[in-house]
Protein backbone atom coordinates (compact mmCIF):
# COMPACT_ATOMS: atom_id res chain seq x y z
CA MET A 1 271.83 216.04 -4.52
CA LYS A 2 270.39 212.56 -4.03
CA SER A 3 273.82 211.11 -3.31
CA ASP A 4 274.45 213.91 -0.79
CA LEU A 5 271.23 213.09 1.04
CA MET A 6 272.01 209.38 0.95
CA THR A 7 275.44 210.12 2.42
CA LEU A 8 273.87 212.03 5.31
CA PHE A 9 270.67 210.04 5.92
CA GLY A 10 271.31 206.63 4.34
CA ASP A 11 271.57 204.83 7.67
CA GLN A 12 268.28 206.27 8.94
CA LEU A 13 266.55 205.35 5.68
CA ARG A 14 267.84 201.78 5.96
CA TRP A 15 266.60 201.69 9.56
CA PHE A 16 263.20 202.97 8.43
CA ALA A 17 263.05 200.38 5.63
CA ARG A 18 263.58 197.55 8.14
CA LEU A 19 260.48 198.55 10.12
CA ASN A 20 257.16 196.83 9.54
CA ARG A 21 254.09 198.73 8.35
CA LYS A 22 252.71 199.49 11.83
CA GLN A 23 256.06 200.82 13.02
CA ARG A 24 256.45 202.98 9.91
CA LEU A 25 253.01 204.48 10.47
CA CYS A 26 253.95 205.27 14.09
CA VAL A 27 257.16 207.02 12.95
CA LEU A 28 255.31 209.02 10.27
CA TYR A 29 252.56 209.95 12.74
CA PHE A 30 255.21 211.14 15.22
CA CYS A 31 256.98 213.23 12.56
CA LEU A 32 253.69 214.78 11.42
CA SER A 33 252.63 215.54 15.00
CA PHE A 34 256.02 217.08 15.76
CA GLY A 35 255.82 219.26 12.64
CA ILE A 36 252.34 220.42 13.56
CA LEU A 37 253.47 221.16 17.10
CA LEU A 38 256.29 223.35 15.82
CA SER A 39 254.19 225.23 13.29
CA VAL A 40 251.01 225.89 15.27
CA VAL A 41 250.08 229.36 16.46
CA PHE A 42 246.59 229.73 17.91
CA ASP A 43 244.94 232.56 19.78
CA HIS A 44 242.85 230.21 21.87
CA PRO A 45 244.52 227.70 24.24
CA LEU A 46 242.15 224.77 23.52
CA PRO A 47 243.51 223.95 20.02
CA GLU A 48 247.06 224.26 21.38
CA LEU A 49 246.20 221.81 24.14
CA LEU A 50 244.80 219.36 21.57
CA VAL A 51 247.97 219.61 19.48
CA VAL A 52 250.15 218.97 22.54
CA LEU A 53 248.00 216.00 23.57
CA ASN A 54 248.21 214.64 20.02
CA PHE A 55 251.99 214.91 20.14
CA GLY A 56 252.04 213.13 23.50
CA ALA A 57 249.95 210.30 22.05
CA SER A 58 252.32 209.97 19.10
CA ALA A 59 255.35 209.90 21.42
CA ARG A 60 253.68 207.17 23.49
CA LEU A 61 253.00 205.11 20.35
CA ILE A 62 256.52 205.44 19.02
CA LYS A 63 257.97 204.50 22.41
CA ARG A 64 255.72 201.45 22.67
CA HIS A 65 255.92 200.04 19.12
CA VAL A 66 259.19 201.15 17.51
CA PRO A 67 262.60 199.73 18.48
CA LEU A 68 264.70 202.83 19.13
CA SER A 69 267.86 201.06 20.28
CA ASP A 70 268.97 200.54 16.66
CA LEU A 71 268.45 204.23 15.94
CA GLU A 72 270.58 205.26 18.93
CA ASP A 73 273.44 203.18 17.52
CA LEU A 74 273.13 205.10 14.24
CA GLN A 75 273.51 208.55 15.81
CA GLY A 76 277.28 208.25 15.99
CA ILE A 77 277.40 207.11 12.37
CA VAL A 78 275.31 210.09 11.26
CA GLY A 79 277.62 212.49 13.02
CA TYR A 80 280.58 210.87 11.32
CA ASN A 81 278.90 211.03 7.88
CA ALA A 82 277.94 214.68 8.36
CA GLN A 83 281.47 215.58 9.44
CA ARG A 84 282.95 213.71 6.48
CA TYR A 85 280.55 215.50 4.11
CA LEU A 86 281.47 218.91 5.53
CA GLU A 87 285.17 218.17 5.16
CA HIS A 88 284.83 216.96 1.55
CA PRO A 89 281.60 218.38 0.07
CA ILE A 90 280.35 216.94 -3.19
CA VAL A 91 280.15 219.79 -5.67
CA PRO A 92 277.94 219.20 -8.72
CA GLY A 93 279.97 219.48 -11.87
């Protein structure tokens, strides 16, 4: 299972490992904010507005502090790795 995940996400993990501490915190904050945005259901619009504003702040931070050009180069590699994995899946034995 670990080797399967490394096959699919190894390049992103190497990209994440190259980031400094501040950049890693920005990426984790963005991921957490995005997860909260997707999972929130409120009856009152004020908490929803706060969650959306929080997500906007996290997107602004990630755009300002994290180099995304390296990640865009990796998108083609990830698609290739995922296609290769689907063609030849690793079956535990």
